[in-house]
Each structure stands twice: as C-alpha cells, then as structure tokens.
C-alpha cells in the first residue's frame, strides 16, 4: 500500500513549467502542493466550475473559471539563467542543505 503524500522537491512559490499535458510549455507559480502528488499552479489548468447561488454567503451563481490540480510529475522547475526547465538537486555544506539547479549547480 502506497502513501498518498510523498516528499517533493518543490516548494510553494517556485516558478514551474509544464512538461506534459494540455498546458505544455506554459509557466506559472506553484501556489499549493496537495496530497496525492498534485499541485495548484496559478493561471494553469483552468477549468470551468458551475456554482449555485448562495445569498447567505454572498456567492452569486454562474460559471466560474478556476485552477485545477495538476500532477507534480508533469511539472519542472524553471531556471531563469538558462531560460529552460531544470531538475532540482541538493547540496550539503556545513550541515546546511540547499536546493540547486542540476544543470549549472547554482542555488535556487
């Protein structure tokens, strides 16, 4: 039996690029990491949600466009120096673990 939540190398606020799926090549900021290896990225994987009006909560009914979850395996971190997708590695110096880009060993 596998766990629904596994450790990822991404952190909320990272700039990511989609490497597979309908939004291939688009970039966005990682908003939230969810259980089951999924994430919410701002401005990507938009879906239309039909909402019912709720006067008590002040919600008007209609069709709302919002971000849906996307699989973390379809994301890669964006390296601004190389201007391409990259992989994340770790470097440990003096008992301090820092994230680095694999292509040029620069800090994230």
PDB file of N, CA and C in Angstrom:
ATOM      1  N   UNK A   1       0.844  -1.178   0.000  1.00  0.00           N
ATOM      2  CA  UNK A   1       0.000   0.000   0.000  1.00  0.00           C
ATOM      3  C   UNK A   1       0.889   1.242   0.000  1.00  0.00           C
ATOM      4  N   UNK A   2       0.655   2.137  -0.930  1.00  0.00           N
ATOM      5  CA  UNK A   2       1.498   3.324  -1.031  1.00  0.00           C
ATOM      6  C   UNK A   2       0.852   4.502  -0.311  1.00  0.00           C
ATOM      7  N   UNK A   3       1.696   5.393   0.142  1.00  0.00           N
ATOM      8  CA  UNK A   3       1.223   6.595   0.818  1.00  0.00           C
ATOM      9  C   UNK A   3       0.704   7.594  -0.204  1.00  0.00           C
ATOM     10  N   UNK A   4      -0.315   8.346   0.155  1.00  0.00           N
ATOM     11  CA  UNK A   4      -0.852   9.352  -0.753  1.00  0.00           C
ATOM     12  C   UNK A   4       0.063  10.557  -0.854  1.00  0.00           C
ATOM     13  N   UNK A   5       0.825  10.822   0.186  1.00  0.00           N
ATOM     14  CA  UNK A   5       1.670  12.012   0.189  1.00  0.00           C
ATOM     15  C   UNK A   5       3.134  11.596   0.234  1.00  0.00           C
ATOM     16  N   UNK A   6       3.865  11.931  -0.813  1.00  0.00           N
ATOM     17  CA  UNK A   6       5.291  11.661  -0.824  1.00  0.00           C
ATOM     18  C   UNK A   6       6.043  12.984  -0.817  1.00  0.00           C
ATOM     19  N   UNK A   7       7.276  12.944  -0.406  1.00  0.00           N
ATOM     20  CA  UNK A   7       8.089  14.163  -0.337  1.00  0.00           C
ATOM     21  C   UNK A   7       8.412  14.644  -1.745  1.00  0.00           C
ATOM     22  N   UNK A   8       8.216  15.933  -1.973  1.00  0.00           N
ATOM     23  CA  UNK A   8       8.553  16.523  -3.260  1.00  0.00           C
ATOM     24  C   UNK A   8       9.678  17.529  -3.068  1.00  0.00           C
ATOM     25  N   UNK A   9      10.362  17.834  -4.152  1.00  0.00           N
ATOM     26  CA  UNK A   9      11.451  18.805  -4.094  1.00  0.00           C
ATOM     27  C   UNK A   9      10.949  20.218  -4.356  1.00  0.00           C
ATOM     28  N   UNK A  10       9.664  20.350  -4.693  1.00  0.00           N
ATOM     29  CA  UNK A  10       9.083  21.658  -4.954  1.00  0.00           C
ATOM     30  C   UNK A  10       8.663  22.327  -3.651  1.00  0.00           C
ATOM     31  N   UNK A  11       8.670  23.651  -3.662  1.00  0.00           N
ATOM     32  CA  UNK A  11       8.195  24.449  -2.538  1.00  0.00           C
ATOM     33  C   UNK A  11       7.205  25.459  -3.095  1.00  0.00           C
ATOM     34  N   UNK A  12       6.169  25.771  -2.332  1.00  0.00           N
ATOM     35  CA  UNK A  12       5.208  26.783  -2.768  1.00  0.00           C
ATOM     36  C   UNK A  12       5.942  28.084  -3.064  1.00  0.00           C
ATOM     37  N   UNK A  13       5.617  28.683  -4.205  1.00  0.00           N
ATOM     38  CA  UNK A  13       6.279  29.910  -4.624  1.00  0.00           C
ATOM     39  C   UNK A  13       7.306  29.689  -5.723  1.00  0.00           C
ATOM     40  N   UNK A  14       7.659  28.427  -6.005  1.00  0.00           N
ATOM     41  CA  UNK A  14       8.592  28.126  -7.093  1.00  0.00           C
ATOM     42  C   UNK A  14       7.954  28.450  -8.432  1.00  0.00           C
ATOM     43  N   UNK A  15       8.757  28.931  -9.375  1.00  0.00           N
ATOM     44  CA  UNK A  15       8.266  29.120 -10.739  1.00  0.00           C
ATOM     45  C   UNK A  15       8.488  27.806 -11.476  1.00  0.00           C
ATOM     46  N   UNK A  16       7.408  27.247 -12.018  1.00  0.00           N
ATOM     47  CA  UNK A  16       7.470  25.945 -12.674  1.00  0.00           C
ATOM     48  C   UNK A  16       6.993  26.058 -14.115  1.00  0.00           C
ATOM     49  N   UNK A  17       7.346  25.047 -14.907  1.00  0.00           N
ATOM     50  CA  UNK A  17       6.917  24.959 -16.295  1.00  0.00           C
ATOM     51  C   UNK A  17       6.285  23.581 -16.483  1.00  0.00           C
ATOM     52  N   UNK A  18       5.222  23.510 -17.286  1.00  0.00           N
ATOM     53  CA  UNK A  18       4.534  22.247 -17.544  1.00  0.00           C
ATOM     54  C   UNK A  18       5.290  21.512 -18.643  1.00  0.00           C
ATOM     55  N   UNK A  19       5.662  20.242 -18.384  1.00  0.00           N
ATOM     56  CA  UNK A  19       6.422  19.464 -19.354  1.00  0.00           C
ATOM     57  C   UNK A  19       5.580  18.391 -20.034  1.00  0.00           C
ATOM     58  N   UNK A  20       4.317  18.240 -19.623  1.00  0.00           N
ATOM     59  CA  UNK A  20       3.422  17.276 -20.262  1.00  0.00           C
ATOM     60  C   UNK A  20       1.979  17.682 -19.999  1.00  0.00           C
ATOM     61  N   UNK A  21       1.110  17.420 -20.961  1.00  0.00           N
ATOM     62  CA  UNK A  21      -0.306  17.711 -20.790  1.00  0.00           C
ATOM     63  C   UNK A  21      -0.788  18.833 -21.677  1.00  0.00           C
ATOM     64  N   UNK A  22      -2.018  19.276 -21.425  1.00  0.00           N
ATOM     65  CA  UNK A  22      -2.646  20.266 -22.301  1.00  0.00           C
ATOM     66  C   UNK A  22      -2.017  21.652 -22.195  1.00  0.00           C
ATOM     67  N   UNK A  23      -1.354  21.955 -21.089  1.00  0.00           N
ATOM     68  CA  UNK A  23      -0.714  23.257 -20.898  1.00  0.00           C
ATOM     69  C   UNK A  23       0.796  23.182 -21.122  1.00  0.00           C
ATOM     70  N   UNK A  24       1.234  22.287 -21.978  1.00  0.00           N
ATOM     71  CA  UNK A  24       2.652  22.052 -22.246  1.00  0.00           C
ATOM     72  C   UNK A  24       3.390  23.347 -22.589  1.00  0.00           C
ATOM     73  N   UNK A  25       4.491  23.608 -21.887  1.00  0.00           N
ATOM     74  CA  UNK A  25       5.320  24.773 -22.165  1.00  0.00           C
ATOM     75  C   UNK A  25       4.935  26.031 -21.409  1.00  0.00           C
ATOM     76  N   UNK A  26       3.790  26.038 -20.749  1.00  0.00           N
ATOM     77  CA  UNK A  26       3.349  27.233 -20.020  1.00  0.00           C
ATOM     78  C   UNK A  26       4.012  27.284 -18.645  1.00  0.00           C
ATOM     79  N   UNK A  27       4.227  28.525 -18.162  1.00  0.00           N
ATOM     80  CA  UNK A  27       4.861  28.722 -16.860  1.00  0.00           C
ATOM     81  C   UNK A  27       3.886  29.340 -15.877  1.00  0.00           C
ATOM     82  N   UNK A  28       4.117  29.062 -14.602  1.00  0.00           N
ATOM     83  CA  UNK A  28       3.306  29.647 -13.549  1.00  0.00           C
ATOM     84  C   UNK A  28       3.997  29.471 -12.210  1.00  0.00           C
ATOM     85  N   UNK A  29       3.407  30.053 -11.179  1.00  0.00           N
ATOM     86  CA  UNK A  29       3.955  29.957  -9.831  1.00  0.00           C
ATOM     87  C   UNK A  29       3.208  28.882  -9.057  1.00  0.00           C
ATOM     88  N   UNK A  30       3.957  28.048  -8.366  1.00  0.00           N
ATOM     89  CA  UNK A  30       3.374  26.972  -7.573  1.00  0.00           C
ATOM     90  C   UNK A  30       2.658  27.587  -6.381  1.00  0.00           C
ATOM     91  N   UNK A  31       1.344  27.398  -6.340  1.00  0.00           N
ATOM     92  CA  UNK A  31       0.529  28.020  -5.307  1.00  0.00           C
ATOM     93  C   UNK A  31       0.424  27.128  -4.074  1.00  0.00           C
ATOM     94  N   UNK A  32       0.156  25.834  -4.310  1.00  0.00           N
ATOM     95  CA  UNK A  32      -0.095  24.919  -3.201  1.00  0.00           C
ATOM     96  C   UNK A  32       0.223  23.500  -3.644  1.00  0.00           C
ATOM     97  N   UNK A  33       0.784  22.700  -2.736  1.00  0.00           N
ATOM     98  CA  UNK A  33       1.037  21.292  -3.005  1.00  0.00           C
ATOM     99  C   UNK A  33      -0.008  20.489  -2.248  1.00  0.00           C
ATOM    100  N   UNK A  34      -0.703  19.609  -2.971  1.00  0.00           N
ATOM    101  CA  UNK A  34      -1.791  18.825  -2.405  1.00  0.00           C
ATOM    102  C   UNK A  34      -1.351  17.387  -2.161  1.00  0.00           C
ATOM    103  N   UNK A  35      -2.197  16.630  -1.474  1.00  0.00           N
ATOM    104  CA  UNK A  35      -1.942  15.209  -1.284  1.00  0.00           C
ATOM    105  C   UNK A  35      -2.088  14.485  -2.614  1.00  0.00           C
ATOM    106  N   UNK A  36      -1.478  13.329  -2.708  1.00  0.00           N
ATOM    107  CA  UNK A  36      -1.612  12.529  -3.914  1.00  0.00           C
ATOM    108  C   UNK A  36      -0.756  13.032  -5.059  1.00  0.00           C
ATOM    109  N   UNK A  37       0.372  13.690  -4.740  1.00  0.00           N
ATOM    110  CA  UNK A  37       1.311  14.187  -5.752  1.00  0.00           C
ATOM    111  C   UNK A  37       0.663  15.117  -6.762  1.00  0.00           C
ATOM    112  N   UNK A  38      -0.142  16.026  -6.288  1.00  0.00           N
ATOM    113  CA  UNK A  38      -0.782  17.029  -7.143  1.00  0.00           C
ATOM    114  C   UNK A  38      -0.435  18.418  -6.618  1.00  0.00           C
ATOM    115  N   UNK A  39      -0.586  19.410  -7.499  1.00  0.00           N
ATOM    116  CA  UNK A  39      -0.271  20.785  -7.120  1.00  0.00           C
ATOM    117  C   UNK A  39      -1.199  21.738  -7.847  1.00  0.00           C
ATOM    118  N   UNK A  40      -1.363  22.928  -7.282  1.00  0.00           N
ATOM    119  CA  UNK A  40      -2.124  24.007  -7.910  1.00  0.00           C
ATOM    120  C   UNK A  40      -1.106  25.034  -8.403  1.00  0.00           C
ATOM    121  N   UNK A  41      -1.193  25.379  -9.696  1.00  0.00           N
ATOM    122  CA  UNK A  41      -0.291  26.362 -10.295  1.00  0.00           C
ATOM    123  C   UNK A  41      -1.138  27.531 -10.780  1.00  0.00           C
ATOM    124  N   UNK A  42      -0.740  28.760 -10.425  1.00  0.00           N
ATOM    125  CA  UNK A  42      -1.534  29.936 -10.786  1.00  0.00           C
ATOM    126  C   UNK A  42      -1.588  30.109 -12.297  1.00  0.00           C
ATOM    127  N   UNK A  43      -2.807  30.262 -12.802  1.00  0.00           N
ATOM    128  CA  UNK A  43      -3.019  30.534 -14.220  1.00  0.00           C
ATOM    129  C   UNK A  43      -2.943  29.336 -15.137  1.00  0.00           C
ATOM    130  N   UNK A  44      -2.723  28.139 -14.604  1.00  0.00           N
ATOM    131  CA  UNK A  44      -2.616  26.945 -15.443  1.00  0.00           C
ATOM    132  C   UNK A  44      -3.693  25.928 -15.093  1.00  0.00           C
ATOM    133  N   UNK A  45      -4.011  25.065 -16.055  1.00  0.00           N
ATOM    134  CA  UNK A  45      -5.002  24.000 -15.898  1.00  0.00           C
ATOM    135  C   UNK A  45      -6.344  24.573 -15.435  1.00  0.00           C
ATOM    136  N   UNK A  46      -6.813  25.597 -16.133  1.00  0.00           N
ATOM    137  CA  UNK A  46      -8.070  26.253 -15.775  1.00  0.00           C
ATOM    138  C   UNK A  46      -9.263  25.398 -16.185  1.00  0.00           C
ATOM    139  N   UNK A  47     -10.232  25.276 -15.279  1.00  0.00           N
ATOM    140  CA  UNK A  47     -11.469  24.548 -15.545  1.00  0.00           C
ATOM    141  C   UNK A  47     -12.640  25.456 -15.203  1.00  0.00           C
ATOM    142  N   UNK A  48     -13.787  25.153 -15.792  1.00  0.00           N
ATOM    143  CA  UNK A  48     -14.992  25.931 -15.508  1.00  0.00           C
ATOM    144  C   UNK A  48     -15.831  25.178 -14.491  1.00  0.00           C
ATOM    145  N   UNK A  49     -16.142  25.855 -13.390  1.00  0.00           N
ATOM    146  CA  UNK A  49     -16.936  25.254 -12.324  1.00  0.00           C
ATOM    147  C   UNK A  49     -18.284  25.958 -12.282  1.00  0.00           C
ATOM    148  N   UNK A  50     -19.341  25.179 -12.288  1.00  0.00           N
ATOM    149  CA  UNK A  50     -20.697  25.718 -12.233  1.00  0.00           C
ATOM    150  C   UNK A  50     -21.101  25.832 -10.766  1.00  0.00           C
ATOM    151  N   UNK A  51     -21.365  27.056 -10.313  1.00  0.00           N
ATOM    152  CA  UNK A  51     -21.697  27.277  -8.911  1.00  0.00           C
ATOM    153  C   UNK A  51     -23.151  27.694  -8.756  1.00  0.00           C
ATOM    154  N   UNK A  52     -23.730  27.258  -7.658  1.00  0.00           N
ATOM    155  CA  UNK A  52     -25.097  27.615  -7.313  1.00  0.00           C
ATOM    156  C   UNK A  52     -25.071  28.902  -6.502  1.00  0.00           C
ATOM    157  N   UNK A  53     -26.051  29.782  -6.673  1.00  0.00           N
ATOM    158  CA  UNK A  53     -26.063  30.993  -5.857  1.00  0.00           C
ATOM    159  C   UNK A  53     -26.343  30.670  -4.389  1.00  0.00           C
ATOM    160  N   UNK A  54     -25.674  31.382  -3.502  1.00  0.00           N
ATOM    161  CA  UNK A  54     -25.871  31.221  -2.068  1.00  0.00           C
ATOM    162  C   UNK A  54     -25.919  32.616  -1.447  1.00  0.00           C
ATOM    163  N   UNK A  55     -27.134  33.158  -1.261  1.00  0.00           N
ATOM    164  CA  UNK A  55     -27.257  34.523  -0.745  1.00  0.00           C
ATOM    165  C   UNK A  55     -26.694  34.700   0.665  1.00  0.00           C
ATOM    166  N   UNK A  56     -26.733  33.653   1.492  1.00  0.00           N
ATOM    167  CA  UNK A  56     -26.219  33.753   2.854  1.00  0.00           C
ATOM    168  C   UNK A  56     -24.708  33.992   2.865  1.00  0.00           C
ATOM    169  N   UNK A  57     -23.998  33.378   1.921  1.00  0.00           N
ATOM    170  CA  UNK A  57     -22.544  33.529   1.836  1.00  0.00           C
ATOM    171  C   UNK A  57     -22.150  34.657   0.888  1.00  0.00           C
ATOM    172  N   UNK A  58     -23.120  35.224   0.189  1.00  0.00           N
ATOM    173  CA  UNK A  58     -22.835  36.304  -0.752  1.00  0.00           C
ATOM    174  C   UNK A  58     -22.247  35.822  -2.061  1.00  0.00           C
ATOM    175  N   UNK A  59     -22.527  34.570  -2.428  1.00  0.00           N
ATOM    176  CA  UNK A  59     -21.994  33.991  -3.662  1.00  0.00           C
ATOM    177  C   UNK A  59     -23.054  34.070  -4.745  1.00  0.00           C
ATOM    178  N   UNK A  60     -22.690  34.672  -5.865  1.00  0.00           N
ATOM    179  CA  UNK A  60     -23.613  34.693  -6.997  1.00  0.00           C
ATOM    180  C   UNK A  60     -23.380  33.442  -7.825  1.00  0.00           C
ATOM    181  N   UNK A  61     -24.430  32.923  -8.392  1.00  0.00           N
ATOM    182  CA  UNK A  61     -24.323  31.722  -9.201  1.00  0.00           C
ATOM    183  C   UNK A  61     -23.745  32.013 -10.568  1.00  0.00           C
ATOM    184  N   UNK A  62     -23.325  30.972 -11.241  1.00  0.00           N
ATOM    185  CA  UNK A  62     -22.809  31.130 -12.590  1.00  0.00           C
ATOM    186  C   UNK A  62     -21.636  30.207 -12.853  1.00  0.00           C
ATOM    187  N   UNK A  63     -20.941  30.488 -13.927  1.00  0.00           N
ATOM    188  CA  UNK A  63     -19.794  29.680 -14.313  1.00  0.00           C
ATOM    189  C   UNK A  63     -18.524  30.427 -13.910  1.00  0.00           C
ATOM    190  N   UNK A  64     -17.727  29.778 -13.066  1.00  0.00           N
ATOM    191  CA  UNK A  64     -16.501  30.374 -12.548  1.00  0.00           C
ATOM    192  C   UNK A  64     -15.312  29.597 -13.100  1.00  0.00           C
ATOM    193  N   UNK A  65     -14.293  30.314 -13.559  1.00  0.00           N
ATOM    194  CA  UNK A  65     -13.083  29.661 -14.045  1.00  0.00           C
ATOM    195  C   UNK A  65     -12.054  29.657 -12.924  1.00  0.00           C
ATOM    196  N   UNK A  66     -11.512  28.469 -12.612  1.00  0.00           N
ATOM    197  CA  UNK A  66     -10.537  28.366 -11.534  1.00  0.00           C
ATOM    198  C   UNK A  66      -9.470  27.336 -11.882  1.00  0.00           C
ATOM    199  N   UNK A  67      -8.365  27.369 -11.126  1.00  0.00           N
ATOM    200  CA  UNK A  67      -7.273  26.433 -11.354  1.00  0.00           C
ATOM    201  C   UNK A  67      -7.621  25.074 -10.761  1.00  0.00           C
ATOM    202  N   UNK A  68      -7.311  24.018 -11.514  1.00  0.00           N
ATOM    203  CA  UNK A  68      -7.492  22.658 -11.027  1.00  0.00           C
ATOM    204  C   UNK A  68      -6.115  22.070 -10.718  1.00  0.00           C
ATOM    205  N   UNK A  69      -6.106  20.957 -10.003  1.00  0.00           N
ATOM    206  CA  UNK A  69      -4.849  20.309  -9.634  1.00  0.00           C
ATOM    207  C   UNK A  69      -4.179  19.715 -10.868  1.00  0.00           C
ATOM    208  N   UNK A  70      -2.859  19.717 -10.849  1.00  0.00           N
ATOM    209  CA  UNK A  70      -2.060  19.130 -11.924  1.00  0.00           C
ATOM    210  C   UNK A  70      -1.038  18.203 -11.272  1.00  0.00           C
ATOM    211  N   UNK A  71      -0.718  17.099 -11.937  1.00  0.00           N
ATOM    212  CA  UNK A  71       0.226  16.131 -11.381  1.00  0.00           C
ATOM    213  C   UNK A  71       1.625  16.733 -11.297  1.00  0.00           C
ATOM    214  N   UNK A  72       2.298  16.490 -10.193  1.00  0.00           N
ATOM    215  CA  UNK A  72       3.642  17.029  -9.995  1.00  0.00           C
ATOM    216  C   UNK A  72       4.620  16.439 -11.003  1.00  0.00           C
ATOM    217  N   UNK A  73       4.353  15.220 -11.467  1.00  0.00           N
ATOM    218  CA  UNK A  73       5.240  14.605 -12.458  1.00  0.00           C
ATOM    219  C   UNK A  73       5.213  15.350 -13.787  1.00  0.00           C
ATOM    220  N   UNK A  74       4.195  16.181 -14.015  1.00  0.00           N
ATOM    221  CA  UNK A  74       4.094  16.966 -15.248  1.00  0.00           C
ATOM    222  C   UNK A  74       4.718  18.350 -15.106  1.00  0.00           C
ATOM    223  N   UNK A  75       5.395  18.612 -13.991  1.00  0.00           N
ATOM    224  CA  UNK A  75       5.993  19.919 -13.735  1.00  0.00           C
ATOM    225  C   UNK A  75       7.509  19.805 -13.607  1.00  0.00           C
ATOM    226  N   UNK A  76       8.193  20.878 -13.997  1.00  0.00           N
ATOM    227  CA  UNK A  76       9.635  21.000 -13.777  1.00  0.00           C
ATOM    228  C   UNK A  76       9.903  22.430 -13.334  1.00  0.00           C
ATOM    229  N   UNK A  77      10.951  22.620 -12.564  1.00  0.00           N
ATOM    230  CA  UNK A  77      11.277  23.964 -12.096  1.00  0.00           C
ATOM    231  C   UNK A  77      11.884  24.764 -13.247  1.00  0.00           C
ATOM    232  N   UNK A  78      11.612  26.080 -13.276  1.00  0.00           N
ATOM    233  CA  UNK A  78      12.107  26.966 -14.326  1.00  0.00           C
ATOM    234  C   UNK A  78      13.425  27.591 -13.876  1.00  0.00           C
ATOM    235  N   UNK A  79      14.452  27.434 -14.715  1.00  0.00           N
ATOM    236  CA  UNK A  79      15.757  28.032 -14.449  1.00  0.00           C
ATOM    237  C   UNK A  79      15.847  29.344 -15.218  1.00  0.00           C
ATOM    238  N   UNK A  80      15.802  30.504 -14.536  1.00  0.00           N
ATOM    239  CA  UNK A  80      15.795  31.786 -15.244  1.00  0.00           C
ATOM    240  C   UNK A  80      17.117  32.107 -15.950  1.00  0.00           C
ATOM    241  N   UNK A  81      18.234  31.581 -15.451  1.00  0.00           N
ATOM    242  CA  UNK A  81      19.522  31.839 -16.098  1.00  0.00           C
ATOM    243  C   UNK A  81      19.621  31.118 -17.439  1.00  0.00           C
ATOM    244  N   UNK A  82      19.222  29.852 -17.468  1.00  0.00           N
ATOM    245  CA  UNK A  82      19.291  29.047 -18.695  1.00  0.00           C
ATOM    246  C   UNK A  82      18.063  29.236 -19.575  1.00  0.00           C
ATOM    247  N   UNK A  83      16.998  29.807 -19.002  1.00  0.00           N
ATOM    248  CA  UNK A  83      15.717  30.000 -19.686  1.00  0.00           C
ATOM    249  C   UNK A  83      15.146  28.680 -20.214  1.00  0.00           C
ATOM    250  N   UNK A  84      15.156  27.665 -19.343  1.00  0.00           N
ATOM    251  CA  UNK A  84      14.583  26.362 -19.677  1.00  0.00           C
ATOM    252  C   UNK A  84      14.238  25.603 -18.399  1.00  0.00           C
ATOM    253  N   UNK A  85      13.524  24.492 -18.577  1.00  0.00           N
ATOM    254  CA  UNK A  85      13.161  23.649 -17.444  1.00  0.00           C
ATOM    255  C   UNK A  85      14.418  22.967 -16.908  1.00  0.00           C
ATOM    256  N   UNK A  86      14.412  22.702 -15.618  1.00  0.00           N
ATOM    257  CA  UNK A  86      15.582  22.102 -14.988  1.00  0.00           C
ATOM    258  C   UNK A  86      15.130  21.119 -13.917  1.00  0.00           C
ATOM    259  N   UNK A  87      16.107  20.383 -13.370  1.00  0.00           N
ATOM    260  CA  UNK A  87      15.823  19.467 -12.275  1.00  0.00           C
ATOM    261  C   UNK A  87      16.406  20.031 -10.986  1.00  0.00           C
ATOM    262  N   UNK A  88      15.896  19.552  -9.865  1.00  0.00           N
ATOM    263  CA  UNK A  88      16.312  20.051  -8.558  1.00  0.00           C
ATOM    264  C   UNK A  88      17.249  19.043  -7.914  1.00  0.00           C
ATOM    265  N   UNK A  89      18.347  19.541  -7.372  1.00  0.00           N
ATOM    266  CA  UNK A  89      19.271  18.721  -6.617  1.00  0.00           C
ATOM    267  C   UNK A  89      19.517  19.366  -5.265  1.00  0.00           C
ATOM    268  N   UNK A  90      20.310  18.700  -4.441  1.00  0.00           N
ATOM    269  CA  UNK A  90      20.630  19.228  -3.119  1.00  0.00           C
ATOM    270  C   UNK A  90      22.135  19.291  -2.936  1.00  0.00           C
ATOM    271  N   UNK A  91      22.574  20.270  -2.160  1.00  0.00           N
ATOM    272  CA  UNK A  91      23.979  20.422  -1.828  1.00  0.00           C
ATOM    273  C   UNK A  91      24.054  20.634  -0.320  1.00  0.00           C
ATOM    274  N   UNK A  92      24.912  19.871   0.340  1.00  0.00           N
ATOM    275  CA  UNK A  92      25.043  19.977   1.789  1.00  0.00           C
ATOM    276  C   UNK A  92      26.433  20.524   2.109  1.00  0.00           C
ATOM    277  N   UNK A  93      26.464  21.697   2.739  1.00  0.00           N
ATOM    278  CA  UNK A  93      27.718  22.316   3.180  1.00  0.00           C
ATOM    279  C   UNK A  93      27.538  22.778   4.619  1.00  0.00           C
ATOM    280  N   UNK A  94      28.443  22.362   5.482  1.00  0.00           N
ATOM    281  CA  UNK A  94      28.410  22.751   6.898  1.00  0.00           C
ATOM    282  C   UNK A  94      27.048  22.469   7.524  1.00  0.00           C
ATOM    283  N   UNK A  95      26.518  21.290   7.288  1.00  0.00           N
ATOM    284  CA  UNK A  95      25.228  20.844   7.828  1.00  0.00           C
ATOM    285  C   UNK A  95      24.058  21.715   7.388  1.00  0.00           C
ATOM    286  N   UNK A  96      24.189  22.420   6.269  1.00  0.00           N
ATOM    287  CA  UNK A  96      23.093  23.215   5.715  1.00  0.00           C
ATOM    288  C   UNK A  96      22.759  22.653   4.339  1.00  0.00           C
ATOM    289  N   UNK A  97      21.519  22.237   4.179  1.00  0.00           N
ATOM    290  CA  UNK A  97      21.063  21.639   2.924  1.00  0.00           C
ATOM    291  C   UNK A  97      20.396  22.717   2.076  1.00  0.00           C
ATOM    292  N   UNK A  98      20.900  22.938   0.861  1.00  0.00           N
ATOM    293  CA  UNK A  98      20.326  23.943  -0.032  1.00  0.00           C
ATOM    294  C   UNK A  98      19.925  23.290  -1.344  1.00  0.00           C
ATOM    295  N   UNK A  99      18.881  23.834  -1.956  1.00  0.00           N
ATOM    296  CA  UNK A  99      18.426  23.328  -3.252  1.00  0.00           C
ATOM    297  C   UNK A  99      19.231  23.999  -4.361  1.00  0.00           C
ATOM    298  N   UNK A 100      19.593  23.209  -5.381  1.00  0.00           N
ATOM    299  CA  UNK A 100      20.358  23.736  -6.507  1.00  0.00           C
ATOM    300  C   UNK A 100      19.737  23.258  -7.814  1.00  0.00           C
ATOM    301  N   UNK A 101      20.031  23.998  -8.897  1.00  0.00           N
ATOM    302  CA  UNK A 101      19.670  23.541 -10.233  1.00  0.00           C
ATOM    303  C   UNK A 101      20.710  22.509 -10.658  1.00  0.00           C
ATOM    304  N   UNK A 102      20.262  21.383 -11.236  1.00  0.00           N
ATOM    305  CA  UNK A 102      21.175  20.321 -11.635  1.00  0.00           C
ATOM    306  C   UNK A 102      22.056  20.726 -12.812  1.00  0.00           C
ATOM    307  N   UNK A 103      21.566  21.586 -13.717  1.00  0.00           N
ATOM    308  CA  UNK A 103      22.319  21.890 -14.931  1.00  0.00           C
ATOM    309  C   UNK A 103      23.556  22.750 -14.676  1.00  0.00           C
ATOM    310  N   UNK A 104      23.466  23.708 -13.749  1.00  0.00           N
ATOM    311  CA  UNK A 104      24.613  24.591 -13.527  1.00  0.00           C
ATOM    312  C   UNK A 104      25.024  24.719 -12.055  1.00  0.00           C
ATOM    313  N   UNK A 105      24.444  23.918 -11.184  1.00  0.00           N
ATOM    314  CA  UNK A 105      24.768  23.894  -9.750  1.00  0.00           C
ATOM    315  C   UNK A 105      24.611  25.244  -9.056  1.00  0.00           C
ATOM    316  N   UNK A 106      23.778  26.126  -9.593  1.00  0.00           N
ATOM    317  CA  UNK A 106      23.510  27.401  -8.930  1.00  0.00           C
ATOM    318  C   UNK A 106      22.352  27.229  -7.956  1.00  0.00           C
ATOM    319  N   UNK A 107      22.314  28.071  -6.920  1.00  0.00           N
ATOM    320  CA  UNK A 107      21.266  27.976  -5.903  1.00  0.00           C
ATOM    321  C   UNK A 107      19.927  28.427  -6.470  1.00  0.00           C
ATOM    322  N   UNK A 108      18.892  27.820  -5.966  1.00  0.00           N
ATOM    323  CA  UNK A 108      17.529  28.180  -6.380  1.00  0.00           C
ATOM    324  C   UNK A 108      17.081  29.360  -5.549  1.00  0.00           C
TER     325      UNK A 108
END
